[in-house]
PDB file of all heavy atoms in Angstrom:
ATOM      1  N   SER A   1       0.853  -1.185   0.027  1.00  0.00           N
ATOM      2  CA  SER A   1       0.067  -0.042  -0.045  1.00  0.00           C
ATOM      3  C   SER A   1       0.747   1.260   0.061  1.00  0.00           C
ATOM      4  O   SER A   1       0.448   2.229  -0.640  1.00  0.00           O
ATOM      5  CB  SER A   1      -0.970   0.077   1.212  1.00  0.00           C
ATOM      6  OG  SER A   1      -1.884  -0.989   1.125  1.00  0.00           O
ATOM      7  N   SER A   2       1.985   1.275   0.621  1.00  0.00           N
ATOM      8  CA  SER A   2       2.821   2.432   0.668  1.00  0.00           C
ATOM      9  C   SER A   2       3.441   2.836  -0.734  1.00  0.00           C
ATOM     10  O   SER A   2       3.908   3.847  -0.761  1.00  0.00           O
ATOM     11  CB  SER A   2       4.020   2.164   1.688  1.00  0.00           C
ATOM     12  OG  SER A   2       4.821   1.130   1.162  1.00  0.00           O
ATOM     13  N   GLU A   3       3.396   1.941  -1.684  1.00  0.00           N
ATOM     14  CA  GLU A   3       3.925   2.278  -3.057  1.00  0.00           C
ATOM     15  C   GLU A   3       2.751   2.811  -3.957  1.00  0.00           C
ATOM     16  O   GLU A   3       3.130   3.199  -5.032  1.00  0.00           O
ATOM     17  CB  GLU A   3       4.572   1.068  -3.671  1.00  0.00           C
ATOM     18  CG  GLU A   3       5.744   0.563  -2.786  1.00  0.00           C
ATOM     19  CD  GLU A   3       6.434  -0.630  -3.432  1.00  0.00           C
ATOM     20  OE1 GLU A   3       5.908  -1.216  -4.463  1.00  0.00           O
ATOM     21  OE2 GLU A   3       7.457  -1.159  -2.880  1.00  0.00           O
ATOM     22  N   ASN A   4       1.553   2.822  -3.513  1.00  0.00           N
ATOM     23  CA  ASN A   4       0.443   3.404  -4.256  1.00  0.00           C
ATOM     24  C   ASN A   4       0.597   4.879  -4.570  1.00  0.00           C
ATOM     25  O   ASN A   4       1.069   5.548  -3.593  1.00  0.00           O
ATOM     26  CB  ASN A   4      -0.858   3.076  -3.714  1.00  0.00           C
ATOM     27  CG  ASN A   4      -1.234   1.628  -3.597  1.00  0.00           C
ATOM     28  OD1 ASN A   4      -0.794   0.822  -4.403  1.00  0.00           O
ATOM     29  ND2 ASN A   4      -2.061   1.329  -2.583  1.00  0.00           N
ATOM     30  N   LYS A   5       0.328   5.312  -5.711  1.00  0.00           N
ATOM     31  CA  LYS A   5       0.434   6.756  -6.116  1.00  0.00           C
ATOM     32  C   LYS A   5      -0.794   7.307  -6.780  1.00  0.00           C
ATOM     33  O   LYS A   5      -1.385   6.466  -7.585  1.00  0.00           O
ATOM     34  CB  LYS A   5       1.613   7.016  -7.017  1.00  0.00           C
ATOM     35  CG  LYS A   5       3.049   6.451  -6.479  1.00  0.00           C
ATOM     36  CD  LYS A   5       3.518   7.385  -5.409  1.00  0.00           C
ATOM     37  CE  LYS A   5       4.928   6.927  -5.098  1.00  0.00           C
ATOM     38  NZ  LYS A   5       5.109   6.939  -3.660  1.00  0.00           N
ATOM     39  N   VAL A   6      -1.299   8.379  -6.501  1.00  0.00           N
ATOM     40  CA  VAL A   6      -2.269   9.084  -7.211  1.00  0.00           C
ATOM     41  C   VAL A   6      -1.934   9.116  -8.648  1.00  0.00           C
ATOM     42  O   VAL A   6      -0.820   9.538  -8.980  1.00  0.00           O
ATOM     43  CB  VAL A   6      -2.725  10.450  -6.658  1.00  0.00           C
ATOM     44  CG1 VAL A   6      -3.683  11.123  -7.553  1.00  0.00           C
ATOM     45  CG2 VAL A   6      -3.228  10.387  -5.298  1.00  0.00           C
ATOM     46  N   GLY A   7      -2.822   8.712  -9.560  1.00  0.00           N
ATOM     47  CA  GLY A   7      -2.587   8.782 -11.005  1.00  0.00           C
ATOM     48  C   GLY A   7      -2.109   7.393 -11.496  1.00  0.00           C
ATOM     49  O   GLY A   7      -2.021   7.172 -12.818  1.00  0.00           O
ATOM     50  N   GLN A   8      -1.735   6.508 -10.702  1.00  0.00           N
ATOM     51  CA  GLN A   8      -1.214   5.225 -11.010  1.00  0.00           C
ATOM     52  C   GLN A   8      -2.267   4.440 -11.829  1.00  0.00           C
ATOM     53  O   GLN A   8      -3.408   4.493 -11.410  1.00  0.00           O
ATOM     54  CB  GLN A   8      -0.826   4.482  -9.678  1.00  0.00           C
ATOM     55  CG  GLN A   8      -0.223   3.102  -9.938  1.00  0.00           C
ATOM     56  CD  GLN A   8       0.128   2.474  -8.517  1.00  0.00           C
ATOM     57  OE1 GLN A   8       0.190   3.106  -7.537  1.00  0.00           O
ATOM     58  NE2 GLN A   8       0.310   1.188  -8.466  1.00  0.00           N
ATOM     59  N   GLU A   9      -1.886   3.824 -12.944  1.00  0.00           N
ATOM     60  CA  GLU A   9      -2.806   2.936 -13.620  1.00  0.00           C
ATOM     61  C   GLU A   9      -3.087   1.664 -12.862  1.00  0.00           C
ATOM     62  O   GLU A   9      -2.260   1.063 -12.324  1.00  0.00           O
ATOM     63  CB  GLU A   9      -2.266   2.625 -15.001  1.00  0.00           C
ATOM     64  CG  GLU A   9      -2.255   3.701 -15.995  1.00  0.00           C
ATOM     65  CD  GLU A   9      -1.918   3.242 -17.371  1.00  0.00           C
ATOM     66  OE1 GLU A   9      -0.690   3.114 -17.618  1.00  0.00           O
ATOM     67  OE2 GLU A   9      -2.833   2.975 -18.166  1.00  0.00           O
ATOM     68  N   VAL A  10      -4.360   1.306 -12.835  1.00  0.00           N
ATOM     69  CA  VAL A  10      -4.877  -0.019 -12.199  1.00  0.00           C
ATOM     70  C   VAL A  10      -5.919  -0.608 -13.087  1.00  0.00           C
ATOM     71  O   VAL A  10      -6.511  -0.045 -13.995  1.00  0.00           O
ATOM     72  CB  VAL A  10      -5.389   0.266 -10.717  1.00  0.00           C
ATOM     73  CG1 VAL A  10      -4.271   0.848  -9.768  1.00  0.00           C
ATOM     74  CG2 VAL A  10      -6.579   1.354 -10.813  1.00  0.00           C
ATOM     75  N   PHE A  11      -6.099  -1.947 -12.806  1.00  0.00           N
ATOM     76  CA  PHE A  11      -7.149  -2.676 -13.471  1.00  0.00           C
ATOM     77  C   PHE A  11      -7.749  -3.787 -12.603  1.00  0.00           C
ATOM     78  O   PHE A  11      -7.118  -4.168 -11.607  1.00  0.00           O
ATOM     79  CB  PHE A  11      -6.498  -3.169 -14.734  1.00  0.00           C
ATOM     80  CG  PHE A  11      -5.523  -4.328 -14.677  1.00  0.00           C
ATOM     81  CD1 PHE A  11      -6.002  -5.604 -14.748  1.00  0.00           C
ATOM     82  CD2 PHE A  11      -4.231  -3.992 -14.541  1.00  0.00           C
ATOM     83  CE1 PHE A  11      -5.015  -6.641 -14.601  1.00  0.00           C
ATOM     84  CE2 PHE A  11      -3.252  -4.983 -14.427  1.00  0.00           C
ATOM     85  CZ  PHE A  11      -3.651  -6.302 -14.496  1.00  0.00           C
ATOM     86  N   THR A  12      -8.894  -4.264 -13.032  1.00  0.00           N
ATOM     87  CA  THR A  12      -9.622  -5.342 -12.447  1.00  0.00           C
ATOM     88  C   THR A  12     -10.016  -6.334 -13.613  1.00  0.00           C
ATOM     89  O   THR A  12     -10.123  -5.935 -14.696  1.00  0.00           O
ATOM     90  CB  THR A  12     -10.900  -4.999 -11.751  1.00  0.00           C
ATOM     91  OG1 THR A  12     -11.889  -4.409 -12.760  1.00  0.00           O
ATOM     92  CG2 THR A  12     -10.641  -3.926 -10.666  1.00  0.00           C
ATOM     93  N   ILE A  13     -10.060  -7.604 -13.181  1.00  0.00           N
ATOM     94  CA  ILE A  13     -10.678  -8.567 -14.018  1.00  0.00           C
ATOM     95  C   ILE A  13     -11.787  -9.261 -13.173  1.00  0.00           C
ATOM     96  O   ILE A  13     -11.441  -9.681 -12.102  1.00  0.00           O
ATOM     97  CB  ILE A  13      -9.652  -9.655 -14.444  1.00  0.00           C
ATOM     98  CG1 ILE A  13      -8.392  -8.961 -14.998  1.00  0.00           C
ATOM     99  CG2 ILE A  13     -10.279 -10.690 -15.381  1.00  0.00           C
ATOM    100  CD1 ILE A  13      -7.222  -9.968 -15.325  1.00  0.00           C
ATOM    101  N   GLY A  14     -13.026  -9.175 -13.656  1.00  0.00           N
ATOM    102  CA  GLY A  14     -14.069  -9.717 -12.895  1.00  0.00           C
ATOM    103  C   GLY A  14     -15.251 -10.043 -13.760  1.00  0.00           C
ATOM    104  O   GLY A  14     -15.083 -10.273 -15.068  1.00  0.00           O
ATOM    105  N   TYR A  15     -16.465 -10.116 -13.166  1.00  0.00           N
ATOM    106  CA  TYR A  15     -17.700 -10.649 -13.793  1.00  0.00           C
ATOM    107  C   TYR A  15     -18.735  -9.604 -13.531  1.00  0.00           C
ATOM    108  O   TYR A  15     -19.756  -9.978 -12.963  1.00  0.00           O
ATOM    109  CB  TYR A  15     -18.093 -12.025 -13.240  1.00  0.00           C
ATOM    110  CG  TYR A  15     -17.103 -13.052 -13.525  1.00  0.00           C
ATOM    111  CD1 TYR A  15     -15.991 -13.265 -12.602  1.00  0.00           C
ATOM    112  CD2 TYR A  15     -17.189 -13.829 -14.638  1.00  0.00           C
ATOM    113  CE1 TYR A  15     -15.079 -14.281 -12.891  1.00  0.00           C
ATOM    114  CE2 TYR A  15     -16.200 -14.893 -14.889  1.00  0.00           C
ATOM    115  CZ  TYR A  15     -15.240 -15.020 -14.004  1.00  0.00           C
ATOM    116  OH  TYR A  15     -14.276 -15.978 -14.279  1.00  0.00           O
ATOM    117  N   PRO A  16     -18.533  -8.350 -14.085  1.00  0.00           N
ATOM    118  CA  PRO A  16     -19.543  -7.289 -13.880  1.00  0.00           C
ATOM    119  C   PRO A  16     -20.856  -7.601 -14.633  1.00  0.00           C
ATOM    120  O   PRO A  16     -20.724  -8.051 -15.718  1.00  0.00           O
ATOM    121  CB  PRO A  16     -18.905  -6.008 -14.380  1.00  0.00           C
ATOM    122  CG  PRO A  16     -17.980  -6.543 -15.310  1.00  0.00           C
ATOM    123  CD  PRO A  16     -17.462  -7.889 -14.805  1.00  0.00           C
ATOM    124  N   LEU A  17     -21.957  -7.489 -14.007  1.00  0.00           N
ATOM    125  CA  LEU A  17     -23.253  -7.620 -14.621  1.00  0.00           C
ATOM    126  C   LEU A  17     -23.397  -8.970 -15.512  1.00  0.00           C
ATOM    127  O   LEU A  17     -23.766  -8.803 -16.667  1.00  0.00           O
ATOM    128  CB  LEU A  17     -23.687  -6.327 -15.388  1.00  0.00           C
ATOM    129  CG  LEU A  17     -23.624  -5.008 -14.648  1.00  0.00           C
ATOM    130  CD1 LEU A  17     -23.845  -3.827 -15.544  1.00  0.00           C
ATOM    131  CD2 LEU A  17     -24.722  -5.079 -13.610  1.00  0.00           C
ATOM    132  N   SER A  18     -22.922  -9.960 -14.895  1.00  0.00           N
ATOM    133  CA  SER A  18     -22.711 -11.151 -15.808  1.00  0.00           C
ATOM    134  C   SER A  18     -24.073 -11.548 -16.374  1.00  0.00           C
ATOM    135  O   SER A  18     -24.026 -12.289 -17.533  1.00  0.00           O
ATOM    136  CB  SER A  18     -22.164 -12.370 -14.942  1.00  0.00           C
ATOM    137  OG  SER A  18     -22.907 -12.634 -13.739  1.00  0.00           O
ATOM    138  N   MET A  19     -25.172 -11.293 -15.757  1.00  0.00           N
ATOM    139  CA  MET A  19     -26.504 -11.764 -16.340  1.00  0.00           C
ATOM    140  C   MET A  19     -26.757 -11.027 -17.522  1.00  0.00           C
ATOM    141  O   MET A  19     -27.625 -11.399 -18.410  1.00  0.00           O
ATOM    142  CB  MET A  19     -27.551 -11.589 -15.254  1.00  0.00           C
ATOM    143  CG  MET A  19     -27.868 -10.124 -14.920  1.00  0.00           C
ATOM    144  SD  MET A  19     -26.544  -9.555 -13.907  1.00  0.00           S
ATOM    145  CE  MET A  19     -27.285  -8.297 -12.875  1.00  0.00           C
ATOM    146  N   ILE A  20     -26.098  -9.924 -17.886  1.00  0.00           N
ATOM    147  CA  ILE A  20     -26.290  -9.156 -18.990  1.00  0.00           C
ATOM    148  C   ILE A  20     -25.134  -9.141 -19.963  1.00  0.00           C
ATOM    149  O   ILE A  20     -25.228  -9.455 -21.127  1.00  0.00           O
ATOM    150  CB  ILE A  20     -26.591  -7.626 -18.646  1.00  0.00           C
ATOM    151  CG1 ILE A  20     -27.868  -7.399 -17.969  1.00  0.00           C
ATOM    152  CG2 ILE A  20     -26.596  -6.728 -20.007  1.00  0.00           C
ATOM    153  CD1 ILE A  20     -27.955  -6.050 -17.244  1.00  0.00           C
ATOM    154  N   LEU A  21     -23.905  -8.985 -19.369  1.00  0.00           N
ATOM    155  CA  LEU A  21     -22.670  -8.961 -20.238  1.00  0.00           C
ATOM    156  C   LEU A  21     -22.142 -10.355 -20.487  1.00  0.00           C
ATOM    157  O   LEU A  21     -21.237 -10.390 -21.355  1.00  0.00           O
ATOM    158  CB  LEU A  21     -21.645  -8.194 -19.466  1.00  0.00           C
ATOM    159  CG  LEU A  21     -22.077  -6.691 -19.245  1.00  0.00           C
ATOM    160  CD1 LEU A  21     -20.932  -5.927 -18.521  1.00  0.00           C
ATOM    161  CD2 LEU A  21     -22.289  -5.951 -20.606  1.00  0.00           C
ATOM    162  N   GLY A  22     -22.622 -11.453 -19.812  1.00  0.00           N
ATOM    163  CA  GLY A  22     -22.062 -12.760 -20.110  1.00  0.00           C
ATOM    164  C   GLY A  22     -21.165 -13.223 -18.970  1.00  0.00           C
ATOM    165  O   GLY A  22     -20.783 -12.522 -18.065  1.00  0.00           O
ATOM    166  N   GLU A  23     -20.819 -14.457 -19.160  1.00  0.00           N
ATOM    167  CA  GLU A  23     -20.106 -15.217 -18.038  1.00  0.00           C
ATOM    168  C   GLU A  23     -18.525 -15.226 -18.267  1.00  0.00           C
ATOM    169  O   GLU A  23     -17.822 -15.817 -17.422  1.00  0.00           O
ATOM    170  CB  GLU A  23     -20.583 -16.751 -18.007  1.00  0.00           C
ATOM    171  CG  GLU A  23     -22.006 -16.866 -17.569  1.00  0.00           C
ATOM    172  CD  GLU A  23     -22.281 -16.336 -16.189  1.00  0.00           C
ATOM    173  OE1 GLU A  23     -21.411 -16.629 -15.263  1.00  0.00           O
ATOM    174  OE2 GLU A  23     -23.380 -15.820 -15.936  1.00  0.00           O
ATOM    175  N   LYS A  24     -18.076 -14.548 -19.151  1.00  0.00           N
ATOM    176  CA  LYS A  24     -16.573 -14.402 -19.339  1.00  0.00           C
ATOM    177  C   LYS A  24     -16.080 -13.228 -18.613  1.00  0.00           C
ATOM    178  O   LYS A  24     -16.693 -12.177 -18.427  1.00  0.00           O
ATOM    179  CB  LYS A  24     -16.290 -14.198 -20.888  1.00  0.00           C
ATOM    180  CG  LYS A  24     -16.714 -15.267 -21.710  1.00  0.00           C
ATOM    181  CD  LYS A  24     -15.696 -16.382 -21.858  1.00  0.00           C
ATOM    182  CE  LYS A  24     -16.210 -17.363 -22.949  1.00  0.00           C
ATOM    183  NZ  LYS A  24     -15.882 -18.735 -22.668  1.00  0.00           N
ATOM    184  N   PRO A  25     -14.798 -13.372 -17.992  1.00  0.00           N
ATOM    185  CA  PRO A  25     -14.303 -12.182 -17.250  1.00  0.00           C
ATOM    186  C   PRO A  25     -14.071 -10.977 -18.112  1.00  0.00           C
ATOM    187  O   PRO A  25     -13.892 -11.160 -19.374  1.00  0.00           O
ATOM    188  CB  PRO A  25     -12.895 -12.747 -16.803  1.00  0.00           C
ATOM    189  CG  PRO A  25     -13.016 -14.162 -17.003  1.00  0.00           C
ATOM    190  CD  PRO A  25     -13.990 -14.539 -18.063  1.00  0.00           C
ATOM    191  N   LYS A  26     -14.231  -9.847 -17.500  1.00  0.00           N
ATOM    192  CA  LYS A  26     -14.182  -8.494 -18.202  1.00  0.00           C
ATOM    193  C   LYS A  26     -13.028  -7.776 -17.497  1.00  0.00           C
ATOM    194  O   LYS A  26     -12.925  -7.773 -16.382  1.00  0.00           O
ATOM    195  CB  LYS A  26     -15.440  -7.744 -18.100  1.00  0.00           C
ATOM    196  CG  LYS A  26     -16.646  -8.582 -18.615  1.00  0.00           C
ATOM    197  CD  LYS A  26     -16.712  -8.872 -20.031  1.00  0.00           C
ATOM    198  CE  LYS A  26     -17.889  -9.540 -20.563  1.00  0.00           C
ATOM    199  NZ  LYS A  26     -18.078 -10.833 -20.237  1.00  0.00           N
ATOM    200  N   LEU A  27     -12.341  -6.920 -18.336  1.00  0.00           N
ATOM    201  CA  LEU A  27     -11.339  -5.980 -17.868  1.00  0.00           C
ATOM    202  C   LEU A  27     -11.980  -4.609 -17.579  1.00  0.00           C
ATOM    203  O   LEU A  27     -12.910  -4.073 -18.265  1.00  0.00           O
ATOM    204  CB  LEU A  27     -10.306  -5.809 -19.051  1.00  0.00           C
ATOM    205  CG  LEU A  27      -9.278  -4.661 -18.745  1.00  0.00           C
ATOM    206  CD1 LEU A  27      -8.330  -5.070 -17.656  1.00  0.00           C
ATOM    207  CD2 LEU A  27      -8.523  -4.349 -19.997  1.00  0.00           C
ATOM    208  N   SER A  28     -11.554  -4.039 -16.580  1.00  0.00           N
ATOM    209  CA  SER A  28     -11.898  -2.616 -16.182  1.00  0.00           C
ATOM    210  C   SER A  28     -10.615  -1.837 -15.847  1.00  0.00           C
ATOM    211  O   SER A  28      -9.890  -2.293 -14.939  1.00  0.00           O
ATOM    212  CB  SER A  28     -12.881  -2.584 -14.947  1.00  0.00           C
ATOM    213  OG  SER A  28     -13.044  -1.194 -14.527  1.00  0.00           O
ATOM    214  N   LYS A  29     -10.320  -0.773 -16.443  1.00  0.00           N
ATOM    215  CA  LYS A  29      -9.124  -0.130 -16.369  1.00  0.00           C
ATOM    216  C   LYS A  29      -9.256   1.310 -15.909  1.00  0.00           C
ATOM    217  O   LYS A  29     -10.285   1.952 -16.263  1.00  0.00           O
ATOM    218  CB  LYS A  29      -8.327  -0.121 -17.656  1.00  0.00           C
ATOM    219  CG  LYS A  29      -6.890   0.084 -17.513  1.00  0.00           C
ATOM    220  CD  LYS A  29      -6.229  -0.155 -18.902  1.00  0.00           C
ATOM    221  CE  LYS A  29      -5.056   0.795 -18.941  1.00  0.00           C
ATOM    222  NZ  LYS A  29      -4.511   1.061 -20.330  1.00  0.00           N
ATOM    223  N   GLY A  30      -8.445   1.870 -15.074  1.00  0.00           N
ATOM    224  CA  GLY A  30      -8.552   3.258 -14.607  1.00  0.00           C
ATOM    225  C   GLY A  30      -7.282   3.715 -13.826  1.00  0.00           C
ATOM    226  O   GLY A  30      -6.188   3.130 -14.094  1.00  0.00           O
ATOM    227  N   ASN A  31      -7.449   4.622 -12.978  1.00  0.00           N
ATOM    228  CA  ASN A  31      -6.384   5.146 -12.186  1.00  0.00           C
ATOM    229  C   ASN A  31      -6.702   5.307 -10.706  1.00  0.00           C
ATOM    230  O   ASN A  31      -7.898   5.306 -10.441  1.00  0.00           O
ATOM    231  CB  ASN A  31      -5.983   6.481 -12.689  1.00  0.00           C
ATOM    232  CG  ASN A  31      -5.593   6.457 -14.045  1.00  0.00           C
ATOM    233  OD1 ASN A  31      -6.485   6.499 -15.113  1.00  0.00           O
ATOM    234  ND2 ASN A  31      -4.329   6.450 -14.425  1.00  0.00           N
ATOM    235  N   ILE A  32      -5.703   5.383  -9.977  1.00  0.00           N
ATOM    236  CA  ILE A  32      -5.967   5.735  -8.470  1.00  0.00           C
ATOM    237  C   ILE A  32      -6.297   7.259  -8.490  1.00  0.00           C
ATOM    238  O   ILE A  32      -5.385   8.009  -8.871  1.00  0.00           O
ATOM    239  CB  ILE A  32      -4.857   5.371  -7.579  1.00  0.00           C
ATOM    240  CG1 ILE A  32      -4.563   3.876  -7.569  1.00  0.00           C
ATOM    241  CG2 ILE A  32      -5.024   5.947  -6.213  1.00  0.00           C
ATOM    242  CD1 ILE A  32      -3.423   3.422  -6.747  1.00  0.00           C
TER     243      ILE A  32
END
């Protein structure tokens, strides 16, 4: 946690709204 910086690029891989978007994992990318 001590190495996190504002502006740092981050991402998730998950199953958002799987009942609509499907059962495959999806990428979500952003920043701190």
